[in-house]
C-alpha atoms as a PDB file:
ATOM      1  CA  UNK A   1     134.469  68.445 111.651  1.00  0.00           C
ATOM      2  CA  UNK A   2     134.453  70.780 114.668  1.00  0.00           C
ATOM      3  CA  UNK A   3     136.786  73.159 112.833  1.00  0.00           C
ATOM      4  CA  UNK A   4     134.370  73.192 109.893  1.00  0.00           C
ATOM      5  CA  UNK A   5     131.461  74.215 112.175  1.00  0.00           C
ATOM      6  CA  UNK A   6     133.535  76.979 113.759  1.00  0.00           C
ATOM      7  CA  UNK A   7     134.514  78.231 110.296  1.00  0.00           C
ATOM      8  CA  UNK A   8     130.902  78.281 109.121  1.00  0.00           C
ATOM      9  CA  UNK A   9     129.812  80.083 112.296  1.00  0.00           C
ATOM     10  CA  UNK A  10     132.611  82.638 111.925  1.00  0.00           C
ATOM     11  CA  UNK A  11     131.665  83.202 108.267  1.00  0.00           C
ATOM     12  CA  UNK A  12     127.998  83.779 109.203  1.00  0.00           C
ATOM     13  CA  UNK A  13     128.932  86.269 111.944  1.00  0.00           C
ATOM     14  CA  UNK A  14     131.159  88.200 109.539  1.00  0.00           C
ATOM     15  CA  UNK A  15     128.438  88.183 106.874  1.00  0.00           C
ATOM     16  CA  UNK A  16     125.853  89.581 109.260  1.00  0.00           C
ATOM     17  CA  UNK A  17     128.260  92.245 110.496  1.00  0.00           C
ATOM     18  CA  UNK A  18     129.145  93.225 106.935  1.00  0.00           C
ATOM     19  CA  UNK A  19     125.496  93.527 105.856  1.00  0.00           C
ATOM     20  CA  UNK A  20     124.684  95.544 109.009  1.00  0.00           C
ATOM     21  CA  UNK A  21     127.367  98.106 108.104  1.00  0.00           C
ATOM     22  CA  UNK A  22     126.166  98.557 104.530  1.00  0.00           C
ATOM     23  CA  UNK A  23     125.572 102.260 103.823  1.00  0.00           C
ATOM     24  CA  UNK A  24     122.602 101.292 101.640  1.00  0.00           C
ATOM     25  CA  UNK A  25     120.915  99.309 104.419  1.00  0.00           C
ATOM     26  CA  UNK A  26     117.162  99.778 103.811  1.00  0.00           C
ATOM     27  CA  UNK A  27     116.436  99.365 107.534  1.00  0.00           C
ATOM     28  CA  UNK A  28     118.586 102.362 108.506  1.00  0.00           C
ATOM     29  CA  UNK A  29     115.946 105.114 108.675  1.00  0.00           C
ATOM     30  CA  UNK A  30     118.058 107.635 110.581  1.00  0.00           C
ATOM     31  CA  UNK A  31     117.646 108.894 114.125  1.00  0.00           C
ATOM     32  CA  UNK A  32     114.678 107.639 116.123  1.00  0.00           C
ATOM     33  CA  UNK A  33     112.142 110.273 117.184  1.00  0.00           C
ATOM     34  CA  UNK A  34     112.443 110.965 120.930  1.00  0.00           C
ATOM     35  CA  UNK A  35     108.810 110.644 122.038  1.00  0.00           C
ATOM     36  CA  UNK A  36     109.560 110.732 125.779  1.00  0.00           C
ATOM     37  CA  UNK A  37     111.940 113.677 125.516  1.00  0.00           C
ATOM     38  CA  UNK A  38     109.541 115.715 123.400  1.00  0.00           C
ATOM     39  CA  UNK A  39     106.583 114.897 125.670  1.00  0.00           C
ATOM     40  CA  UNK A  40     108.593 116.052 128.674  1.00  0.00           C
ATOM     41  CA  UNK A  41     109.558 119.309 126.946  1.00  0.00           C
ATOM     42  CA  UNK A  42     106.027 119.885 125.635  1.00  0.00           C
ATOM     43  CA  UNK A  43     104.382 119.191 129.000  1.00  0.00           C
ATOM     44  CA  UNK A  44     106.428 121.967 130.624  1.00  0.00           C
ATOM     45  CA  UNK A  45     105.506 124.389 127.832  1.00  0.00           C
ATOM     46  CA  UNK A  46     101.828 123.419 128.095  1.00  0.00           C
ATOM     47  CA  UNK A  47     101.815 123.974 131.888  1.00  0.00           C
ATOM     48  CA  UNK A  48     103.348 127.433 131.379  1.00  0.00           C
ATOM     49  CA  UNK A  49     100.787 128.211 128.673  1.00  0.00           C
ATOM     50  CA  UNK A  50      97.848 127.102 130.844  1.00  0.00           C
ATOM     51  CA  UNK A  51      99.138 129.190 133.766  1.00  0.00           C
ATOM     52  CA  UNK A  52      98.955 132.375 131.705  1.00  0.00           C
ATOM     53  CA  UNK A  53      96.237 131.725 129.093  1.00  0.00           C
ATOM     54  CA  UNK A  54      92.825 133.195 129.734  1.00  0.00           C
ATOM     55  CA  UNK A  55      90.582 130.341 128.580  1.00  0.00           C
ATOM     56  CA  UNK A  56      86.952 130.022 129.602  1.00  0.00           C
ATOM     57  CA  UNK A  57      86.110 126.441 130.436  1.00  0.00           C
ATOM     58  CA  UNK A  58      83.695 124.204 132.264  1.00  0.00           C
ATOM     59  CA  UNK A  59      86.486 121.767 133.088  1.00  0.00           C
ATOM     60  CA  UNK A  60      89.792 120.434 131.837  1.00  0.00           C
ATOM     61  CA  UNK A  61      90.803 116.877 131.110  1.00  0.00           C
ATOM     62  CA  UNK A  62      94.507 116.110 131.391  1.00  0.00           C
ATOM     63  CA  UNK A  63      94.751 112.833 129.484  1.00  0.00           C
ATOM     64  CA  UNK A  64      97.633 110.559 130.587  1.00  0.00           C
ATOM     65  CA  UNK A  65      99.031 110.876 127.045  1.00  0.00           C
ATOM     66  CA  UNK A  66      99.731 114.586 127.632  1.00  0.00           C
ATOM     67  CA  UNK A  67      96.832 115.803 125.498  1.00  0.00           C
ATOM     68  CA  UNK A  68      94.758 118.464 127.295  1.00  0.00           C
ATOM     69  CA  UNK A  69      91.054 118.810 126.532  1.00  0.00           C
ATOM     70  CA  UNK A  70      89.493 122.060 127.720  1.00  0.00           C
ATOM     71  CA  UNK A  71      85.727 121.635 127.579  1.00  0.00           C
ATOM     72  CA  UNK A  72      84.058 124.985 126.978  1.00  0.00           C
ATOM     73  CA  UNK A  73      80.541 123.740 126.292  1.00  0.00           C
ATOM     74  CA  UNK A  74      79.384 120.279 127.356  1.00  0.00           C
ATOM     75  CA  UNK A  75      77.853 117.977 124.800  1.00  0.00           C
ATOM     76  CA  UNK A  76      74.627 116.184 125.587  1.00  0.00           C
ATOM     77  CA  UNK A  77      75.091 113.003 123.550  1.00  0.00           C
ATOM     78  CA  UNK A  78      77.350 110.038 124.212  1.00  0.00           C
ATOM     79  CA  UNK A  79      81.096 109.742 123.740  1.00  0.00           C
ATOM     80  CA  UNK A  80      82.330 108.097 120.535  1.00  0.00           C
ATOM     81  CA  UNK A  81      84.003 104.721 120.202  1.00  0.00           C
ATOM     82  CA  UNK A  82      86.583 103.555 117.724  1.00  0.00           C
ATOM     83  CA  UNK A  83      85.014 103.292 114.288  1.00  0.00           C
ATOM     84  CA  UNK A  84      82.458 106.077 114.803  1.00  0.00           C
ATOM     85  CA  UNK A  85      82.489 108.791 112.144  1.00  0.00           C
ATOM     86  CA  UNK A  86      83.019 112.179 113.788  1.00  0.00           C
ATOM     87  CA  UNK A  87      81.701 115.455 112.317  1.00  0.00           C
ATOM     88  CA  UNK A  88      83.396 118.628 113.474  1.00  0.00           C
ATOM     89  CA  UNK A  89      84.291 122.212 112.726  1.00  0.00           C
ATOM     90  CA  UNK A  90      87.829 123.139 113.722  1.00  0.00           C
ATOM     91  CA  UNK A  91      90.493 125.816 113.714  1.00  0.00           C
ATOM     92  CA  UNK A  92      94.101 124.821 114.290  1.00  0.00           C
ATOM     93  CA  UNK A  93      96.749 127.209 115.594  1.00  0.00           C
ATOM     94  CA  UNK A  94     100.274 127.065 116.958  1.00  0.00           C
ATOM     95  CA  UNK A  95     100.560 127.314 120.734  1.00  0.00           C
ATOM     96  CA  UNK A  96     103.828 129.220 120.336  1.00  0.00           C
ATOM     97  CA  UNK A  97     102.410 132.286 118.601  1.00  0.00           C
ATOM     98  CA  UNK A  98      98.683 131.677 118.043  1.00  0.00           C
ATOM     99  CA  UNK A  99      98.971 131.736 114.257  1.00  0.00           C
ATOM    100  CA  UNK A 100      96.181 129.837 112.508  1.00  0.00           C
ATOM    101  CA  UNK A 101      97.479 127.161 110.147  1.00  0.00           C
ATOM    102  CA  UNK A 102      94.270 125.329 109.171  1.00  0.00           C
ATOM    103  CA  UNK A 103      90.488 125.453 109.459  1.00  0.00           C
ATOM    104  CA  UNK A 104      87.412 124.092 107.762  1.00  0.00           C
ATOM    105  CA  UNK A 105      85.539 127.362 108.352  1.00  0.00           C
ATOM    106  CA  UNK A 106      85.695 129.643 105.316  1.00  0.00           C
ATOM    107  CA  UNK A 107      85.456 133.012 107.094  1.00  0.00           C
ATOM    108  CA  UNK A 108      88.183 131.973 109.571  1.00  0.00           C
ATOM    109  CA  UNK A 109      90.405 130.975 106.647  1.00  0.00           C
ATOM    110  CA  UNK A 110      89.788 134.321 104.946  1.00  0.00           C
ATOM    111  CA  UNK A 111      90.409 136.289 108.163  1.00  0.00           C
ATOM    112  CA  UNK A 112      93.750 134.513 108.669  1.00  0.00           C
ATOM    113  CA  UNK A 113      94.940 134.693 105.040  1.00  0.00           C
ATOM    114  CA  UNK A 114      94.915 130.920 104.579  1.00  0.00           C
ATOM    115  CA  UNK A 115      91.870 130.751 102.314  1.00  0.00           C
ATOM    116  CA  UNK A 116      92.253 128.400  99.339  1.00  0.00           C
ATOM    117  CA  UNK A 117      89.706 128.974  96.594  1.00  0.00           C
ATOM    118  CA  UNK A 118      89.642 125.330  95.478  1.00  0.00           C
ATOM    119  CA  UNK A 119      89.143 123.944  98.985  1.00  0.00           C
ATOM    120  CA  UNK A 120      85.792 122.643 100.196  1.00  0.00           C
ATOM    121  CA  UNK A 121      84.900 124.396 103.491  1.00  0.00           C
ATOM    122  CA  UNK A 122      82.303 121.961 104.826  1.00  0.00           C
ATOM    123  CA  UNK A 123      82.026 120.123 108.132  1.00  0.00           C
ATOM    124  CA  UNK A 124      85.064 117.885 108.485  1.00  0.00           C
ATOM    125  CA  UNK A 125      84.521 114.180 109.074  1.00  0.00           C
ATOM    126  CA  UNK A 126      86.855 111.353 110.037  1.00  0.00           C
ATOM    127  CA  UNK A 127      86.591 107.832 111.389  1.00  0.00           C
ATOM    128  CA  UNK A 128      87.796 107.640 114.977  1.00  0.00           C
ATOM    129  CA  UNK A 129      90.799 105.351 115.351  1.00  0.00           C
ATOM    130  CA  UNK A 130      91.388 104.901 111.624  1.00  0.00           C
ATOM    131  CA  UNK A 131      94.641 106.870 111.481  1.00  0.00           C
ATOM    132  CA  UNK A 132      93.184 109.491 109.117  1.00  0.00           C
ATOM    133  CA  UNK A 133      93.881 112.359 111.543  1.00  0.00           C
ATOM    134  CA  UNK A 134      96.680 113.134 113.965  1.00  0.00           C
ATOM    135  CA  UNK A 135      96.799 110.823 116.961  1.00  0.00           C
ATOM    136  CA  UNK A 136      95.958 113.680 119.337  1.00  0.00           C
ATOM    137  CA  UNK A 137      92.522 113.995 117.751  1.00  0.00           C
ATOM    138  CA  UNK A 138      91.790 110.305 118.290  1.00  0.00           C
ATOM    139  CA  UNK A 139      92.796 110.700 121.943  1.00  0.00           C
ATOM    140  CA  UNK A 140      90.827 113.915 122.516  1.00  0.00           C
ATOM    141  CA  UNK A 141      87.578 113.104 120.711  1.00  0.00           C
ATOM    142  CA  UNK A 142      87.203 109.879 122.724  1.00  0.00           C
ATOM    143  CA  UNK A 143      86.934 112.116 125.814  1.00  0.00           C
ATOM    144  CA  UNK A 144      84.289 114.497 124.387  1.00  0.00           C
ATOM    145  CA  UNK A 145      80.534 114.124 124.167  1.00  0.00           C
ATOM    146  CA  UNK A 146      78.886 114.828 120.847  1.00  0.00           C
ATOM    147  CA  UNK A 147      77.726 118.452 120.849  1.00  0.00           C
ATOM    148  CA  UNK A 148      80.705 119.703 122.862  1.00  0.00           C
ATOM    149  CA  UNK A 149      82.863 122.724 122.126  1.00  0.00           C
ATOM    150  CA  UNK A 150      86.433 122.371 123.288  1.00  0.00           C
ATOM    151  CA  UNK A 151      90.002 123.483 122.945  1.00  0.00           C
ATOM    152  CA  UNK A 152      92.458 120.620 122.341  1.00  0.00           C
ATOM    153  CA  UNK A 153      96.112 121.077 123.210  1.00  0.00           C
ATOM    154  CA  UNK A 154      98.128 118.464 121.352  1.00  0.00           C
ATOM    155  CA  UNK A 155     101.803 117.808 122.227  1.00  0.00           C
ATOM    156  CA  UNK A 156     104.072 117.389 119.202  1.00  0.00           C
ATOM    157  CA  UNK A 157     104.433 113.568 119.494  1.00  0.00           C
ATOM    158  CA  UNK A 158     100.657 113.273 118.969  1.00  0.00           C
ATOM    159  CA  UNK A 159     100.616 115.868 116.186  1.00  0.00           C
ATOM    160  CA  UNK A 160     103.209 116.161 113.403  1.00  0.00           C
ATOM    161  CA  UNK A 161     106.321 115.343 115.434  1.00  0.00           C
ATOM    162  CA  UNK A 162     109.455 116.634 113.701  1.00  0.00           C
ATOM    163  CA  UNK A 163     107.898 116.731 110.234  1.00  0.00           C
ATOM    164  CA  UNK A 164     108.791 119.745 108.119  1.00  0.00           C
ATOM    165  CA  UNK A 165     106.346 119.060 105.289  1.00  0.00           C
ATOM    166  CA  UNK A 166     103.923 121.868 106.200  1.00  0.00           C
ATOM    167  CA  UNK A 167     105.575 125.292 106.080  1.00  0.00           C
ATOM    168  CA  UNK A 168     102.959 126.691 108.485  1.00  0.00           C
ATOM    169  CA  UNK A 169     103.780 124.115 111.191  1.00  0.00           C
ATOM    170  CA  UNK A 170     107.398 124.084 112.402  1.00  0.00           C
ATOM    171  CA  UNK A 171     108.893 120.773 113.550  1.00  0.00           C
ATOM    172  CA  UNK A 172     107.935 119.710 117.093  1.00  0.00           C
ATOM    173  CA  UNK A 173     105.079 122.220 117.370  1.00  0.00           C
ATOM    174  CA  UNK A 174     102.435 122.015 120.080  1.00  0.00           C
ATOM    175  CA  UNK A 175      99.069 122.531 118.408  1.00  0.00           C
ATOM    176  CA  UNK A 176      95.794 123.985 119.657  1.00  0.00           C
ATOM    177  CA  UNK A 177      92.499 123.124 118.008  1.00  0.00           C
ATOM    178  CA  UNK A 178      89.230 124.869 118.713  1.00  0.00           C
ATOM    179  CA  UNK A 179      86.650 122.224 117.878  1.00  0.00           C
ATOM    180  CA  UNK A 180      82.891 122.037 117.711  1.00  0.00           C
ATOM    181  CA  UNK A 181      81.875 118.359 117.860  1.00  0.00           C
ATOM    182  CA  UNK A 182      78.811 118.468 115.589  1.00  0.00           C
ATOM    183  CA  UNK A 183      77.807 114.812 115.750  1.00  0.00           C
ATOM    184  CA  UNK A 184      78.727 111.232 114.913  1.00  0.00           C
ATOM    185  CA  UNK A 185      77.543 108.099 113.155  1.00  0.00           C
END
């Protein structure tokens, strides 16, 4: 009877090991994204950028996440909470070379050769904390008052990480957004 239990146990261990080595294992999603390593790299690049960039500001917020919020014009209303709908104008660019990759402002899109005729260039809205925007926006907008104008510096782990789905944004890019927080519901 003891030998039978040992045999069953041995069979189960071998079965688990065999399934774990299956090349078609649906749980094998490839290498894990190195959040800590990329944040460390990005933080050094952001410090260098801030040392040399000529940016007018009232004050800077260095969020513990690594996101930097440079407030250029203070808002007069309250700060949003999760679930609030945020209304904003924005222009996104790469920190590495300043190239604009996205905006909701038509003349900025035209000036940077990214205008799309079928796109709607109205005030952009999103629900804070809903996951509809990059995580860096959720972090940064919680720190702004409605009515503020700011520059958001978003490390790659809180932006698009190592994604290569947008040809205008290389993998592991640090992003800068010039935002005008128009209001909230």
